[in-house]
PDB file of all heavy atoms in Angstrom:
ATOM      1  N   PRO A   1      47.977 -35.903  -4.650  1.00  0.00           N
ATOM      2  CA  PRO A   1      46.551 -36.134  -4.885  1.00  0.00           C
ATOM      3  C   PRO A   1      45.727 -34.883  -4.550  1.00  0.00           C
ATOM      4  O   PRO A   1      46.116 -34.079  -3.695  1.00  0.00           O
ATOM      5  CB  PRO A   1      46.201 -37.278  -3.927  1.00  0.00           C
ATOM      6  CG  PRO A   1      47.496 -37.917  -3.576  1.00  0.00           C
ATOM      7  CD  PRO A   1      48.531 -36.847  -3.674  1.00  0.00           C
ATOM      8  N   GLU A   2      44.596 -34.729  -5.198  1.00  0.00           N
ATOM      9  CA  GLU A   2      43.771 -33.539  -5.010  1.00  0.00           C
ATOM     10  C   GLU A   2      43.322 -33.368  -3.561  1.00  0.00           C
ATOM     11  O   GLU A   2      43.251 -32.244  -3.063  1.00  0.00           O
ATOM     12  CB  GLU A   2      42.561 -33.580  -5.941  1.00  0.00           C
ATOM     13  CG  GLU A   2      41.843 -32.262  -6.007  1.00  0.00           C
ATOM     14  CD  GLU A   2      40.823 -32.186  -7.118  1.00  0.00           C
ATOM     15  OE1 GLU A   2      40.948 -32.910  -8.114  1.00  0.00           O
ATOM     16  OE2 GLU A   2      39.892 -31.380  -6.970  1.00  0.00           O
ATOM     17  N   THR A   3      43.030 -34.476  -2.878  1.00  0.00           N
ATOM     18  CA  THR A   3      42.614 -34.357  -1.472  1.00  0.00           C
ATOM     19  C   THR A   3      43.743 -33.798  -0.608  1.00  0.00           C
ATOM     20  O   THR A   3      43.491 -33.005   0.289  1.00  0.00           O
ATOM     21  CB  THR A   3      42.154 -35.716  -0.911  1.00  0.00           C
ATOM     22  OG1 THR A   3      43.199 -36.675  -1.071  1.00  0.00           O
ATOM     23  CG2 THR A   3      40.890 -36.194  -1.604  1.00  0.00           C
ATOM     24  N   GLU A   4      44.979 -34.194  -0.899  1.00  0.00           N
ATOM     25  CA  GLU A   4      46.117 -33.658  -0.148  1.00  0.00           C
ATOM     26  C   GLU A   4      46.365 -32.197  -0.506  1.00  0.00           C
ATOM     27  O   GLU A   4      46.780 -31.402   0.347  1.00  0.00           O
ATOM     28  CB  GLU A   4      47.362 -34.498  -0.392  1.00  0.00           C
ATOM     29  CG  GLU A   4      47.301 -35.855   0.278  1.00  0.00           C
ATOM     30  CD  GLU A   4      48.582 -36.646   0.096  1.00  0.00           C
ATOM     31  OE1 GLU A   4      49.677 -36.036   0.144  1.00  0.00           O
ATOM     32  OE2 GLU A   4      48.491 -37.867  -0.087  1.00  0.00           O
ATOM     33  N   ALA A   5      46.118 -31.814  -1.752  1.00  0.00           N
ATOM     34  CA  ALA A   5      46.238 -30.412  -2.159  1.00  0.00           C
ATOM     35  C   ALA A   5      45.208 -29.568  -1.422  1.00  0.00           C
ATOM     36  O   ALA A   5      45.512 -28.450  -0.984  1.00  0.00           O
ATOM     37  CB  ALA A   5      46.079 -30.274  -3.672  1.00  0.00           C
ATOM     38  N   ASP A   6      44.004 -30.095  -1.268  1.00  0.00           N
ATOM     39  CA  ASP A   6      42.968 -29.389  -0.506  1.00  0.00           C
ATOM     40  C   ASP A   6      43.375 -29.246   0.957  1.00  0.00           C
ATOM     41  O   ASP A   6      43.209 -28.175   1.555  1.00  0.00           O
ATOM     42  CB  ASP A   6      41.626 -30.124  -0.594  1.00  0.00           C
ATOM     43  CG  ASP A   6      40.978 -30.027  -1.959  1.00  0.00           C
ATOM     44  OD1 ASP A   6      41.379 -29.157  -2.769  1.00  0.00           O
ATOM     45  OD2 ASP A   6      40.052 -30.820  -2.218  1.00  0.00           O
ATOM     46  N   ASP A   7      43.904 -30.318   1.529  1.00  0.00           N
ATOM     47  CA  ASP A   7      44.370 -30.264   2.916  1.00  0.00           C
ATOM     48  C   ASP A   7      45.484 -29.231   3.071  1.00  0.00           C
ATOM     49  O   ASP A   7      45.517 -28.488   4.055  1.00  0.00           O
ATOM     50  CB  ASP A   7      44.876 -31.632   3.381  1.00  0.00           C
ATOM     51  CG  ASP A   7      43.762 -32.635   3.552  1.00  0.00           C
ATOM     52  OD1 ASP A   7      42.578 -32.222   3.645  1.00  0.00           O
ATOM     53  OD2 ASP A   7      44.064 -33.849   3.588  1.00  0.00           O
ATOM     54  N   PHE A   8      46.387 -29.184   2.083  1.00  0.00           N
ATOM     55  CA  PHE A   8      47.470 -28.214   2.137  1.00  0.00           C
ATOM     56  C   PHE A   8      46.916 -26.788   2.103  1.00  0.00           C
ATOM     57  O   PHE A   8      47.375 -25.925   2.845  1.00  0.00           O
ATOM     58  CB  PHE A   8      48.459 -28.403   0.985  1.00  0.00           C
ATOM     59  CG  PHE A   8      49.591 -27.435   1.054  1.00  0.00           C
ATOM     60  CD1 PHE A   8      50.697 -27.706   1.828  1.00  0.00           C
ATOM     61  CD2 PHE A   8      49.526 -26.219   0.385  1.00  0.00           C
ATOM     62  CE1 PHE A   8      51.735 -26.784   1.933  1.00  0.00           C
ATOM     63  CE2 PHE A   8      50.554 -25.291   0.486  1.00  0.00           C
ATOM     64  CZ  PHE A   8      51.657 -25.574   1.261  1.00  0.00           C
ATOM     65  N   LEU A   9      45.935 -26.544   1.255  1.00  0.00           N
ATOM     66  CA  LEU A   9      45.325 -25.216   1.174  1.00  0.00           C
ATOM     67  C   LEU A   9      44.753 -24.795   2.523  1.00  0.00           C
ATOM     68  O   LEU A   9      44.974 -23.670   2.978  1.00  0.00           O
ATOM     69  CB  LEU A   9      44.232 -25.196   0.099  1.00  0.00           C
ATOM     70  CG  LEU A   9      43.419 -23.908  -0.003  1.00  0.00           C
ATOM     71  CD1 LEU A   9      44.303 -22.722  -0.330  1.00  0.00           C
ATOM     72  CD2 LEU A   9      42.329 -24.082  -1.054  1.00  0.00           C
ATOM     73  N   PHE A  10      44.046 -25.676   3.190  1.00  0.00           N
ATOM     74  CA  PHE A  10      43.490 -25.360   4.506  1.00  0.00           C
ATOM     75  C   PHE A  10      44.592 -25.089   5.532  1.00  0.00           C
ATOM     76  O   PHE A  10      44.475 -24.182   6.353  1.00  0.00           O
ATOM     77  CB  PHE A  10      42.549 -26.467   4.996  1.00  0.00           C
ATOM     78  CG  PHE A  10      41.292 -26.557   4.193  1.00  0.00           C
ATOM     79  CD1 PHE A  10      40.936 -27.731   3.562  1.00  0.00           C
ATOM     80  CD2 PHE A  10      40.455 -25.454   4.046  1.00  0.00           C
ATOM     81  CE1 PHE A  10      39.772 -27.817   2.811  1.00  0.00           C
ATOM     82  CE2 PHE A  10      39.298 -25.523   3.304  1.00  0.00           C
ATOM     83  CZ  PHE A  10      38.955 -26.713   2.677  1.00  0.00           C
ATOM     84  N   ARG A  11      45.670 -25.866   5.480  1.00  0.00           N
ATOM     85  CA  ARG A  11      46.804 -25.628   6.391  1.00  0.00           C
ATOM     86  C   ARG A  11      47.456 -24.286   6.103  1.00  0.00           C
ATOM     87  O   ARG A  11      47.820 -23.547   7.019  1.00  0.00           O
ATOM     88  CB  ARG A  11      47.847 -26.739   6.263  1.00  0.00           C
ATOM     89  CG  ARG A  11      47.567 -27.940   7.094  1.00  0.00           C
ATOM     90  CD  ARG A  11      48.772 -28.814   7.159  1.00  0.00           C
ATOM     91  NE  ARG A  11      49.581 -28.547   5.963  1.00  0.00           N
ATOM     92  CZ  ARG A  11      50.448 -29.379   5.421  1.00  0.00           C
ATOM     93  NH1 ARG A  11      50.683 -30.505   5.964  1.00  0.00           N
ATOM     94  NH2 ARG A  11      51.107 -29.088   4.343  1.00  0.00           N
ATOM     95  N   PHE A  12      47.625 -23.947   4.808  1.00  0.00           N
ATOM     96  CA  PHE A  12      48.192 -22.659   4.424  1.00  0.00           C
ATOM     97  C   PHE A  12      47.357 -21.517   4.998  1.00  0.00           C
ATOM     98  O   PHE A  12      47.896 -20.585   5.592  1.00  0.00           O
ATOM     99  CB  PHE A  12      48.271 -22.560   2.895  1.00  0.00           C
ATOM    100  CG  PHE A  12      48.560 -21.172   2.384  1.00  0.00           C
ATOM    101  CD1 PHE A  12      49.815 -20.614   2.532  1.00  0.00           C
ATOM    102  CD2 PHE A  12      47.575 -20.431   1.749  1.00  0.00           C
ATOM    103  CE1 PHE A  12      50.088 -19.333   2.068  1.00  0.00           C
ATOM    104  CE2 PHE A  12      47.829 -19.154   1.281  1.00  0.00           C
ATOM    105  CZ  PHE A  12      49.090 -18.600   1.445  1.00  0.00           C
ATOM    106  N   LEU A  13      46.046 -21.610   4.833  1.00  0.00           N
ATOM    107  CA  LEU A  13      45.168 -20.555   5.337  1.00  0.00           C
ATOM    108  C   LEU A  13      45.241 -20.446   6.857  1.00  0.00           C
ATOM    109  O   LEU A  13      45.257 -19.344   7.408  1.00  0.00           O
ATOM    110  CB  LEU A  13      43.734 -20.795   4.877  1.00  0.00           C
ATOM    111  CG  LEU A  13      43.513 -20.683   3.369  1.00  0.00           C
ATOM    112  CD1 LEU A  13      42.102 -21.115   3.002  1.00  0.00           C
ATOM    113  CD2 LEU A  13      43.797 -19.276   2.867  1.00  0.00           C
ATOM    114  N   GLU A  14      45.293 -21.579   7.541  1.00  0.00           N
ATOM    115  CA  GLU A  14      45.318 -21.574   8.998  1.00  0.00           C
ATOM    116  C   GLU A  14      46.683 -21.188   9.559  1.00  0.00           C
ATOM    117  O   GLU A  14      46.775 -20.324  10.436  1.00  0.00           O
ATOM    118  CB  GLU A  14      44.931 -22.960   9.520  1.00  0.00           C
ATOM    119  CG  GLU A  14      44.922 -23.062  11.018  1.00  0.00           C
ATOM    120  CD  GLU A  14      44.614 -24.461  11.525  1.00  0.00           C
ATOM    121  OE1 GLU A  14      44.342 -25.364  10.712  1.00  0.00           O
ATOM    122  OE2 GLU A  14      44.653 -24.646  12.746  1.00  0.00           O
ATOM    123  N   LYS A  15      47.751 -21.801   9.065  1.00  0.00           N
ATOM    124  CA  LYS A  15      49.081 -21.640   9.671  1.00  0.00           C
ATOM    125  C   LYS A  15      49.864 -20.434   9.146  1.00  0.00           C
ATOM    126  O   LYS A  15      50.621 -19.825   9.897  1.00  0.00           O
ATOM    127  CB  LYS A  15      49.917 -22.900   9.434  1.00  0.00           C
ATOM    128  CG  LYS A  15      49.284 -24.182   9.901  1.00  0.00           C
ATOM    129  CD  LYS A  15      49.377 -24.321  11.380  1.00  0.00           C
ATOM    130  CE  LYS A  15      48.848 -25.694  11.779  1.00  0.00           C
ATOM    131  NZ  LYS A  15      48.777 -25.879  13.188  1.00  0.00           N
ATOM    132  N   ALA A  16      49.707 -20.106   7.867  1.00  0.00           N
ATOM    133  CA  ALA A  16      50.487 -19.000   7.301  1.00  0.00           C
ATOM    134  C   ALA A  16      49.705 -17.693   7.266  1.00  0.00           C
ATOM    135  O   ALA A  16      50.275 -16.628   7.472  1.00  0.00           O
ATOM    136  CB  ALA A  16      50.958 -19.349   5.890  1.00  0.00           C
ATOM    137  N   ILE A  17      48.408 -17.763   7.028  1.00  0.00           N
ATOM    138  CA  ILE A  17      47.604 -16.547   6.887  1.00  0.00           C
ATOM    139  C   ILE A  17      46.950 -16.168   8.213  1.00  0.00           C
ATOM    140  O   ILE A  17      47.284 -15.156   8.820  1.00  0.00           O
ATOM    141  CB  ILE A  17      46.557 -16.715   5.765  1.00  0.00           C
ATOM    142  CG1 ILE A  17      47.248 -17.028   4.415  1.00  0.00           C
ATOM    143  CG2 ILE A  17      45.686 -15.480   5.653  1.00  0.00           C
ATOM    144  CD1 ILE A  17      48.205 -15.967   3.924  1.00  0.00           C
ATOM    145  N   GLU A  18      46.008 -16.958   8.690  1.00  0.00           N
ATOM    146  CA  GLU A  18      45.266 -16.605   9.909  1.00  0.00           C
ATOM    147  C   GLU A  18      46.164 -16.527  11.141  1.00  0.00           C
ATOM    148  O   GLU A  18      45.965 -15.653  11.988  1.00  0.00           O
ATOM    149  CB  GLU A  18      44.133 -17.600  10.138  1.00  0.00           C
ATOM    150  CG  GLU A  18      43.052 -17.509   9.083  1.00  0.00           C
ATOM    151  CD  GLU A  18      41.996 -18.600   9.204  1.00  0.00           C
ATOM    152  OE1 GLU A  18      42.124 -19.495  10.070  1.00  0.00           O
ATOM    153  OE2 GLU A  18      41.041 -18.549   8.412  1.00  0.00           O
ATOM    154  N   ALA A  19      47.151 -17.396  11.246  1.00  0.00           N
ATOM    155  CA  ALA A  19      48.047 -17.384  12.405  1.00  0.00           C
ATOM    156  C   ALA A  19      48.875 -16.105  12.470  1.00  0.00           C
ATOM    157  O   ALA A  19      49.369 -15.735  13.539  1.00  0.00           O
ATOM    158  CB  ALA A  19      48.978 -18.597  12.372  1.00  0.00           C
ATOM    159  N   ASN A  20      49.020 -15.414  11.347  1.00  0.00           N
ATOM    160  CA  ASN A  20      49.771 -14.165  11.295  1.00  0.00           C
ATOM    161  C   ASN A  20      48.858 -12.946  11.203  1.00  0.00           C
ATOM    162  O   ASN A  20      49.303 -11.868  10.780  1.00  0.00           O
ATOM    163  CB  ASN A  20      50.743 -14.196  10.109  1.00  0.00           C
ATOM    164  CG  ASN A  20      51.893 -15.129  10.367  1.00  0.00           C
ATOM    165  OD1 ASN A  20      52.679 -14.901  11.277  1.00  0.00           O
ATOM    166  ND2 ASN A  20      51.978 -16.198   9.590  1.00  0.00           N
ATOM    167  N   SER A  21      47.589 -13.117  11.567  1.00  0.00           N
ATOM    168  CA  SER A  21      46.603 -12.026  11.543  1.00  0.00           C
ATOM    169  C   SER A  21      46.489 -11.387  10.163  1.00  0.00           C
ATOM    170  O   SER A  21      46.458 -10.169  10.021  1.00  0.00           O
ATOM    171  CB  SER A  21      46.948 -10.963  12.595  1.00  0.00           C
ATOM    172  OG  SER A  21      46.934 -11.524  13.878  1.00  0.00           O
ATOM    173  N   LEU A  22      46.425 -12.242   9.143  1.00  0.00           N
ATOM    174  CA  LEU A  22      46.292 -11.798   7.764  1.00  0.00           C
ATOM    175  C   LEU A  22      45.001 -12.340   7.176  1.00  0.00           C
ATOM    176  O   LEU A  22      44.359 -13.215   7.749  1.00  0.00           O
ATOM    177  CB  LEU A  22      47.491 -12.283   6.935  1.00  0.00           C
ATOM    178  CG  LEU A  22      48.853 -11.765   7.368  1.00  0.00           C
ATOM    179  CD1 LEU A  22      49.970 -12.525   6.656  1.00  0.00           C
ATOM    180  CD2 LEU A  22      48.962 -10.274   7.112  1.00  0.00           C
ATOM    181  N   ALA A  23      44.632 -11.817   6.037  1.00  0.00           N
ATOM    182  CA  ALA A  23      43.490 -12.306   5.264  1.00  0.00           C
ATOM    183  C   ALA A  23      43.937 -12.360   3.812  1.00  0.00           C
ATOM    184  O   ALA A  23      44.886 -11.675   3.416  1.00  0.00           O
ATOM    185  CB  ALA A  23      42.298 -11.375   5.426  1.00  0.00           C
ATOM    186  N   CYS A  24      43.273 -13.194   3.019  1.00  0.00           N
ATOM    187  CA  CYS A  24      43.675 -13.280   1.617  1.00  0.00           C
ATOM    188  C   CYS A  24      42.485 -13.598   0.732  1.00  0.00           C
ATOM    189  O   CYS A  24      41.453 -14.079   1.192  1.00  0.00           O
ATOM    190  CB  CYS A  24      44.781 -14.302   1.419  1.00  0.00           C
ATOM    191  SG  CYS A  24      44.281 -16.019   1.638  1.00  0.00           S
ATOM    192  N   GLY A  25      42.658 -13.317  -0.529  1.00  0.00           N
ATOM    193  CA  GLY A  25      41.683 -13.671  -1.538  1.00  0.00           C
ATOM    194  C   GLY A  25      42.435 -14.245  -2.716  1.00  0.00           C
ATOM    195  O   GLY A  25      43.590 -13.902  -2.955  1.00  0.00           O
ATOM    196  N   GLY A  26      41.804 -15.132  -3.426  1.00  0.00           N
ATOM    197  CA  GLY A  26      42.453 -15.757  -4.575  1.00  0.00           C
ATOM    198  C   GLY A  26      42.146 -17.227  -4.587  1.00  0.00           C
ATOM    199  O   GLY A  26      41.110 -17.672  -4.094  1.00  0.00           O
ATOM    200  N   GLY A  27      43.041 -17.993  -5.117  1.00  0.00           N
ATOM    201  CA  GLY A  27      42.855 -19.431  -5.172  1.00  0.00           C
ATOM    202  C   GLY A  27      43.594 -20.024  -6.347  1.00  0.00           C
ATOM    203  O   GLY A  27      44.631 -19.539  -6.754  1.00  0.00           O
ATOM    204  N   GLY A  28      43.032 -21.058  -6.908  1.00  0.00           N
ATOM    205  CA  GLY A  28      43.659 -21.754  -8.019  1.00  0.00           C
ATOM    206  C   GLY A  28      43.178 -23.177  -8.084  1.00  0.00           C
ATOM    207  O   GLY A  28      42.209 -23.560  -7.435  1.00  0.00           O
ATOM    208  N   ARG A  29      43.872 -23.931  -8.881  1.00  0.00           N
ATOM    209  CA  ARG A  29      43.614 -25.367  -9.008  1.00  0.00           C
ATOM    210  C   ARG A  29      44.927 -26.092  -8.828  1.00  0.00           C
ATOM    211  O   ARG A  29      45.971 -25.575  -9.215  1.00  0.00           O
ATOM    212  CB  ARG A  29      43.111 -25.687 -10.416  1.00  0.00           C
ATOM    213  CG  ARG A  29      41.735 -25.214 -10.691  1.00  0.00           C
ATOM    214  CD  ARG A  29      41.364 -25.698 -12.055  1.00  0.00           C
ATOM    215  NE  ARG A  29      39.953 -25.477 -12.258  1.00  0.00           N
ATOM    216  CZ  ARG A  29      39.340 -25.766 -13.359  1.00  0.00           C
ATOM    217  NH1 ARG A  29      40.008 -26.276 -14.373  1.00  0.00           N
ATOM    218  NH2 ARG A  29      38.057 -25.547 -13.480  1.00  0.00           N
ATOM    219  N   PRO A  30      44.859 -27.287  -8.273  1.00  0.00           N
ATOM    220  CA  PRO A  30      46.116 -28.017  -8.128  1.00  0.00           C
ATOM    221  C   PRO A  30      46.792 -28.129  -9.492  1.00  0.00           C
ATOM    222  O   PRO A  30      46.113 -28.377 -10.468  1.00  0.00           O
ATOM    223  CB  PRO A  30      45.688 -29.386  -7.615  1.00  0.00           C
ATOM    224  CG  PRO A  30      44.329 -29.168  -7.008  1.00  0.00           C
ATOM    225  CD  PRO A  30      43.730 -28.041  -7.772  1.00  0.00           C
ATOM    226  N   PRO A  31      48.057 -27.841  -9.585  1.00  0.00           N
ATOM    227  CA  PRO A  31      49.006 -27.643  -8.484  1.00  0.00           C
ATOM    228  C   PRO A  31      49.351 -26.171  -8.203  1.00  0.00           C
ATOM    229  O   PRO A  31      50.200 -25.906  -7.371  1.00  0.00           O
ATOM    230  CB  PRO A  31      50.242 -28.365  -8.993  1.00  0.00           C
ATOM    231  CG  PRO A  31      50.219 -28.138 -10.474  1.00  0.00           C
ATOM    232  CD  PRO A  31      48.743 -28.128 -10.842  1.00  0.00           C
ATOM    233  N   ALA A  32      48.738 -25.187  -8.877  1.00  0.00           N
ATOM    234  CA  ALA A  32      49.168 -23.790  -8.740  1.00  0.00           C
ATOM    235  C   ALA A  32      48.096 -22.915  -8.094  1.00  0.00           C
ATOM    236  O   ALA A  32      46.915 -23.029  -8.417  1.00  0.00           O
ATOM    237  CB  ALA A  32      49.526 -23.229 -10.105  1.00  0.00           C
ATOM    238  N   TYR A  33      48.540 -22.023  -7.199  1.00  0.00           N
ATOM    239  CA  TYR A  33      47.638 -21.136  -6.467  1.00  0.00           C
ATOM    240  C   TYR A  33      48.228 -19.735  -6.408  1.00  0.00           C
ATOM    241  O   TYR A  33      49.445 -19.572  -6.339  1.00  0.00           O
ATOM    242  CB  TYR A  33      47.428 -21.650  -5.037  1.00  0.00           C
ATOM    243  CG  TYR A  33      46.767 -22.997  -4.979  1.00  0.00           C
ATOM    244  CD1 TYR A  33      47.506 -24.165  -5.113  1.00  0.00           C
ATOM    245  CD2 TYR A  33      45.395 -23.099  -4.798  1.00  0.00           C
ATOM    246  CE1 TYR A  33      46.886 -25.406  -5.068  1.00  0.00           C
ATOM    247  CE2 TYR A  33      44.775 -24.340  -4.749  1.00  0.00           C
ATOM    248  CZ  TYR A  33      45.524 -25.482  -4.890  1.00  0.00           C
ATOM    249  OH  TYR A  33      44.918 -26.706  -4.850  1.00  0.00           O
ATOM    250  N   GLU A  34      47.349 -18.711  -6.389  1.00  0.00           N
ATOM    251  CA  GLU A  34      47.772 -17.320  -6.268  1.00  0.00           C
ATOM    252  C   GLU A  34      46.821 -16.585  -5.327  1.00  0.00           C
ATOM    253  O   GLU A  34      45.606 -16.772  -5.406  1.00  0.00           O
ATOM    254  CB  GLU A  34      47.760 -16.623  -7.623  1.00  0.00           C
ATOM    255  CG  GLU A  34      48.749 -17.182  -8.612  1.00  0.00           C
ATOM    256  CD  GLU A  34      48.698 -16.455  -9.946  1.00  0.00           C
ATOM    257  OE1 GLU A  34      47.919 -15.486 -10.095  1.00  0.00           O
ATOM    258  OE2 GLU A  34      49.452 -16.864 -10.839  1.00  0.00           O
TER     259      GLU A  34
END
């Protein structure tokens, strides 16, 4: 569901990007992101 895809995006940003002292730009629409 789109709400779960949004939740996943926030987790990705917090756990994979920010937790590793990284920054990113981009995005997408469910189900694909870059």
